[in-house]
Amino acid sequence: MFTSIGSPEATITIFLDERPIPARAGETVAACLLRAGIAYFRTTPVSGSPRLPYCMIGHCFDCLIEIDGVGSRQTCLVQVRDGMRLRRQRGPAAIAGEHIQ
């Protein structure tokens, strides 16, 4: 029913919290992390609950993560790039050390 977009093999590497993760060219960051079995992408600002992608089309904002130093990026809308650096967001997003409420 579903077919992969892009390369069928993981030929590039991205890093989540410094952990190398094999990625397929053409796939989204969310798809790559889900395929790798990542338990959560971020935690909520109020309760600290772990969150994973929900809609995979950019509507729910549950897939937010820091990508190459820029916080609150929607992983379901961003394609992987070799060497990409990701960090889980814990609580509210921060810009230059300031928390966004």
N, C-alpha and C. Protein backbone atom coordinates (compact mmCIF):
# COMPACT_ATOMS: atom_id res chain seq x y z
N MET A 1 0.81 -1.19 0.00
CA MET A 1 0.00 0.00 0.00
C MET A 1 0.86 1.26 0.00
N PHE A 2 1.91 1.30 0.83
CA PHE A 2 2.78 2.46 0.89
C PHE A 2 4.11 2.13 0.24
N THR A 3 4.71 3.11 -0.40
CA THR A 3 6.04 2.93 -0.94
C THR A 3 6.93 4.04 -0.42
N SER A 4 8.21 3.74 -0.27
CA SER A 4 9.16 4.72 0.23
C SER A 4 9.42 5.79 -0.81
N ILE A 5 9.67 6.99 -0.34
CA ILE A 5 10.07 8.10 -1.20
C ILE A 5 11.58 8.22 -1.09
N GLY A 6 12.25 8.39 -2.18
CA GLY A 6 13.70 8.55 -2.15
C GLY A 6 14.42 7.21 -2.16
N SER A 7 15.61 7.23 -1.63
CA SER A 7 16.47 6.05 -1.63
C SER A 7 15.91 4.93 -0.75
N PRO A 8 15.96 3.68 -1.22
CA PRO A 8 15.51 2.56 -0.38
C PRO A 8 16.53 2.20 0.69
N GLU A 9 17.75 2.72 0.56
CA GLU A 9 18.81 2.42 1.52
C GLU A 9 19.23 3.67 2.28
N ALA A 10 19.63 3.47 3.53
CA ALA A 10 20.12 4.58 4.34
C ALA A 10 21.56 4.87 3.94
N THR A 11 21.74 5.95 3.20
CA THR A 11 23.06 6.27 2.67
C THR A 11 23.67 7.52 3.29
N ILE A 12 22.92 8.21 4.17
CA ILE A 12 23.44 9.40 4.84
C ILE A 12 23.23 9.24 6.34
N THR A 13 23.84 10.13 7.11
CA THR A 13 23.75 10.06 8.57
C THR A 13 23.31 11.40 9.13
N ILE A 14 22.34 11.36 10.04
CA ILE A 14 21.95 12.53 10.82
C ILE A 14 22.26 12.22 12.27
N PHE A 15 22.23 13.22 13.13
CA PHE A 15 22.59 13.02 14.53
C PHE A 15 21.50 13.59 15.43
N LEU A 16 20.96 12.76 16.32
CA LEU A 16 19.99 13.19 17.32
C LEU A 16 20.66 13.15 18.68
N ASP A 17 20.81 14.32 19.31
CA ASP A 17 21.50 14.41 20.60
C ASP A 17 22.84 13.69 20.53
N GLU A 18 23.57 13.91 19.43
CA GLU A 18 24.90 13.36 19.14
C GLU A 18 24.89 11.88 18.77
N ARG A 19 23.75 11.22 18.76
CA ARG A 19 23.66 9.81 18.36
C ARG A 19 23.51 9.73 16.84
N PRO A 20 24.40 9.00 16.15
CA PRO A 20 24.26 8.87 14.70
C PRO A 20 23.06 7.99 14.34
N ILE A 21 22.30 8.44 13.34
CA ILE A 21 21.13 7.71 12.87
C ILE A 21 21.20 7.62 11.35
N PRO A 22 21.15 6.40 10.80
CA PRO A 22 21.16 6.28 9.34
C PRO A 22 19.87 6.83 8.75
N ALA A 23 20.01 7.54 7.64
CA ALA A 23 18.86 8.17 7.01
C ALA A 23 18.85 7.88 5.51
N ARG A 24 17.66 7.96 4.95
CA ARG A 24 17.47 7.75 3.51
C ARG A 24 17.26 9.09 2.82
N ALA A 25 18.01 9.37 1.80
CA ALA A 25 17.84 10.61 1.05
C ALA A 25 16.40 10.72 0.57
N GLY A 26 15.81 11.89 0.75
CA GLY A 26 14.44 12.14 0.29
C GLY A 26 13.38 11.96 1.36
N GLU A 27 13.72 11.35 2.51
CA GLU A 27 12.71 11.17 3.55
C GLU A 27 12.70 12.35 4.51
N THR A 28 11.62 12.50 5.24
CA THR A 28 11.55 13.58 6.22
C THR A 28 12.28 13.17 7.49
N VAL A 29 12.64 14.17 8.28
CA VAL A 29 13.28 13.91 9.56
C VAL A 29 12.36 13.05 10.43
N ALA A 30 11.07 13.36 10.46
CA ALA A 30 10.12 12.59 11.28
C ALA A 30 10.09 11.13 10.86
N ALA A 31 10.01 10.86 9.57
CA ALA A 31 9.97 9.47 9.10
C ALA A 31 11.24 8.74 9.48
N CYS A 32 12.37 9.39 9.35
CA CYS A 32 13.65 8.78 9.69
C CYS A 32 13.72 8.44 11.17
N LEU A 33 13.35 9.39 12.03
CA LEU A 33 13.42 9.15 13.48
C LEU A 33 12.42 8.09 13.92
N LEU A 34 11.25 8.09 13.34
CA LEU A 34 10.26 7.05 13.68
C LEU A 34 10.77 5.67 13.25
N ARG A 35 11.34 5.59 12.06
CA ARG A 35 11.89 4.33 11.57
C ARG A 35 13.02 3.84 12.47
N ALA A 36 13.77 4.77 13.08
CA ALA A 36 14.88 4.42 13.96
C ALA A 36 14.41 4.04 15.36
N GLY A 37 13.10 4.15 15.62
CA GLY A 37 12.57 3.76 16.92
C GLY A 37 12.76 4.78 18.03
N ILE A 38 12.92 6.04 17.67
CA ILE A 38 13.09 7.09 18.67
C ILE A 38 11.82 7.19 19.52
N ALA A 39 11.97 7.19 20.84
CA ALA A 39 10.83 7.11 21.76
C ALA A 39 10.03 8.41 21.85
N TYR A 40 10.68 9.56 21.70
CA TYR A 40 9.99 10.85 21.73
C TYR A 40 10.85 11.90 21.06
N PHE A 41 10.21 12.97 20.57
CA PHE A 41 10.92 14.05 19.90
C PHE A 41 11.10 15.27 20.80
N ARG A 42 10.11 15.52 21.65
CA ARG A 42 10.15 16.69 22.52
C ARG A 42 9.34 16.40 23.77
N THR A 43 9.42 17.31 24.73
CA THR A 43 8.54 17.23 25.90
C THR A 43 7.71 18.52 25.94
N THR A 44 6.53 18.43 26.53
CA THR A 44 5.64 19.59 26.58
C THR A 44 6.12 20.59 27.63
N PRO A 45 5.86 21.89 27.42
CA PRO A 45 6.31 22.92 28.35
C PRO A 45 5.69 22.81 29.75
N VAL A 46 4.44 22.40 29.86
CA VAL A 46 3.76 22.40 31.16
C VAL A 46 4.01 21.13 31.96
N SER A 47 3.69 19.97 31.39
CA SER A 47 3.78 18.72 32.15
C SER A 47 5.05 17.93 31.90
N GLY A 48 5.77 18.25 30.83
CA GLY A 48 6.96 17.48 30.49
C GLY A 48 6.65 16.16 29.81
N SER A 49 5.41 15.99 29.32
CA SER A 49 5.01 14.76 28.64
C SER A 49 5.78 14.58 27.34
N PRO A 50 6.24 13.36 27.06
CA PRO A 50 6.93 13.12 25.80
C PRO A 50 5.95 13.13 24.63
N ARG A 51 6.39 13.65 23.49
CA ARG A 51 5.54 13.77 22.31
C ARG A 51 6.23 13.19 21.09
N LEU A 52 5.42 12.62 20.20
CA LEU A 52 5.85 12.11 18.90
C LEU A 52 4.98 12.74 17.82
N PRO A 53 5.39 12.65 16.56
CA PRO A 53 4.53 13.16 15.49
C PRO A 53 3.16 12.51 15.53
N TYR A 54 2.17 13.30 15.19
CA TYR A 54 0.79 12.81 15.18
C TYR A 54 0.20 12.84 13.77
N CYS A 55 0.18 14.02 13.15
CA CYS A 55 -0.52 14.15 11.86
C CYS A 55 0.38 13.90 10.65
N MET A 56 1.67 14.17 10.78
CA MET A 56 2.67 14.01 9.70
C MET A 56 2.41 14.91 8.49
N ILE A 57 1.59 15.96 8.66
CA ILE A 57 1.35 16.90 7.56
C ILE A 57 1.47 18.36 7.99
N GLY A 58 2.05 18.62 9.17
CA GLY A 58 2.32 19.98 9.59
C GLY A 58 1.22 20.71 10.32
N HIS A 59 0.19 20.02 10.77
CA HIS A 59 -0.92 20.69 11.45
C HIS A 59 -0.83 20.65 12.97
N CYS A 60 -0.27 19.60 13.55
CA CYS A 60 -0.40 19.41 15.00
C CYS A 60 0.76 19.96 15.83
N PHE A 61 1.93 20.14 15.28
CA PHE A 61 3.11 20.67 15.98
C PHE A 61 3.64 19.75 17.08
N ASP A 62 3.27 18.48 17.07
CA ASP A 62 3.82 17.54 18.06
C ASP A 62 5.21 17.05 17.68
N CYS A 63 5.66 17.31 16.47
CA CYS A 63 6.95 16.81 16.00
C CYS A 63 8.07 17.84 16.11
N LEU A 64 7.87 18.90 16.86
CA LEU A 64 8.87 19.97 16.94
C LEU A 64 10.19 19.48 17.52
N ILE A 65 11.27 19.94 16.93
CA ILE A 65 12.61 19.56 17.38
C ILE A 65 13.57 20.67 16.95
N GLU A 66 14.73 20.73 17.56
CA GLU A 66 15.75 21.68 17.15
C GLU A 66 16.57 21.07 16.02
N ILE A 67 16.67 21.78 14.91
CA ILE A 67 17.43 21.31 13.75
C ILE A 67 18.54 22.31 13.44
N ASP A 68 19.77 21.85 13.50
CA ASP A 68 20.94 22.69 13.23
C ASP A 68 20.88 24.02 13.99
N GLY A 69 20.50 23.94 15.27
CA GLY A 69 20.49 25.11 16.14
C GLY A 69 19.24 25.96 16.09
N VAL A 70 18.27 25.61 15.25
CA VAL A 70 17.03 26.37 15.14
C VAL A 70 15.91 25.56 15.78
N GLY A 71 15.30 26.08 16.84
CA GLY A 71 14.26 25.37 17.56
C GLY A 71 12.91 25.42 16.89
N SER A 72 12.01 24.57 17.38
CA SER A 72 10.61 24.52 16.94
C SER A 72 10.45 24.27 15.45
N ARG A 73 11.28 23.41 14.88
CA ARG A 73 11.14 23.02 13.47
C ARG A 73 10.22 21.81 13.39
N GLN A 74 9.35 21.79 12.40
CA GLN A 74 8.44 20.67 12.21
C GLN A 74 9.15 19.57 11.42
N THR A 75 9.45 18.47 12.10
CA THR A 75 10.22 17.40 11.47
C THR A 75 9.47 16.71 10.35
N CYS A 76 8.15 16.79 10.36
CA CYS A 76 7.38 16.13 9.30
C CYS A 76 7.45 16.90 7.98
N LEU A 77 7.97 18.12 8.01
CA LEU A 77 8.03 18.95 6.81
C LEU A 77 9.46 19.18 6.31
N VAL A 78 10.45 18.68 7.03
CA VAL A 78 11.86 18.93 6.68
C VAL A 78 12.52 17.64 6.21
N GLN A 79 13.14 17.69 5.03
CA GLN A 79 13.87 16.52 4.53
C GLN A 79 15.25 16.43 5.18
N VAL A 80 15.71 15.20 5.37
CA VAL A 80 17.03 14.98 5.97
C VAL A 80 18.13 15.47 5.04
N ARG A 81 19.24 15.90 5.65
CA ARG A 81 20.46 16.27 4.94
C ARG A 81 21.62 15.60 5.66
N ASP A 82 22.60 15.16 4.94
CA ASP A 82 23.74 14.49 5.56
C ASP A 82 24.40 15.40 6.59
N GLY A 83 24.63 14.87 7.79
CA GLY A 83 25.30 15.62 8.85
C GLY A 83 24.38 16.49 9.68
N MET A 84 23.09 16.50 9.39
CA MET A 84 22.12 17.32 10.11
C MET A 84 22.21 17.03 11.62
N ARG A 85 22.19 18.08 12.44
CA ARG A 85 22.27 17.95 13.89
C ARG A 85 20.91 18.28 14.51
N LEU A 86 20.37 17.33 15.25
CA LEU A 86 19.06 17.48 15.87
C LEU A 86 19.21 17.40 17.39
N ARG A 87 18.36 18.15 18.08
CA ARG A 87 18.28 18.05 19.54
C ARG A 87 16.82 18.03 19.95
N ARG A 88 16.49 17.15 20.87
CA ARG A 88 15.13 17.12 21.39
C ARG A 88 14.87 18.41 22.15
N GLN A 89 13.66 18.93 22.02
CA GLN A 89 13.26 20.10 22.79
C GLN A 89 12.65 19.62 24.09
N ARG A 90 13.16 20.15 25.17
CA ARG A 90 12.65 19.80 26.49
C ARG A 90 11.98 21.03 27.08
N GLY A 91 10.67 20.95 27.23
CA GLY A 91 9.92 22.10 27.73
C GLY A 91 9.75 23.14 26.65
N PRO A 92 9.69 24.43 27.04
CA PRO A 92 9.49 25.48 26.03
C PRO A 92 10.71 25.65 25.15
N ALA A 93 10.47 26.05 23.91
CA ALA A 93 11.56 26.31 22.98
C ALA A 93 12.36 27.51 23.46
N ALA A 94 13.62 27.57 23.07
CA ALA A 94 14.48 28.69 23.47
C ALA A 94 15.11 29.31 22.22
N ILE A 95 15.25 30.64 22.25
CA ILE A 95 15.98 31.36 21.21
C ILE A 95 17.05 32.16 21.91
N ALA A 96 18.30 31.87 21.60
CA ALA A 96 19.45 32.56 22.21
C ALA A 96 19.33 32.60 23.73
N GLY A 97 18.97 31.47 24.32
CA GLY A 97 18.93 31.38 25.78
C GLY A 97 17.64 31.84 26.42
N GLU A 98 16.74 32.46 25.66
CA GLU A 98 15.47 32.94 26.21
C GLU A 98 14.37 31.92 25.93
N HIS A 99 13.56 31.62 26.92
CA HIS A 99 12.45 30.69 26.73
C HIS A 99 11.26 31.39 26.10
N ILE A 100 10.60 30.69 25.19
CA ILE A 100 9.38 31.19 24.55
C ILE A 100 8.20 30.63 25.31
N GLN A 101 7.32 31.45 25.75
CA GLN A 101 6.15 30.97 26.51
C GLN A 101 4.93 30.92 25.63
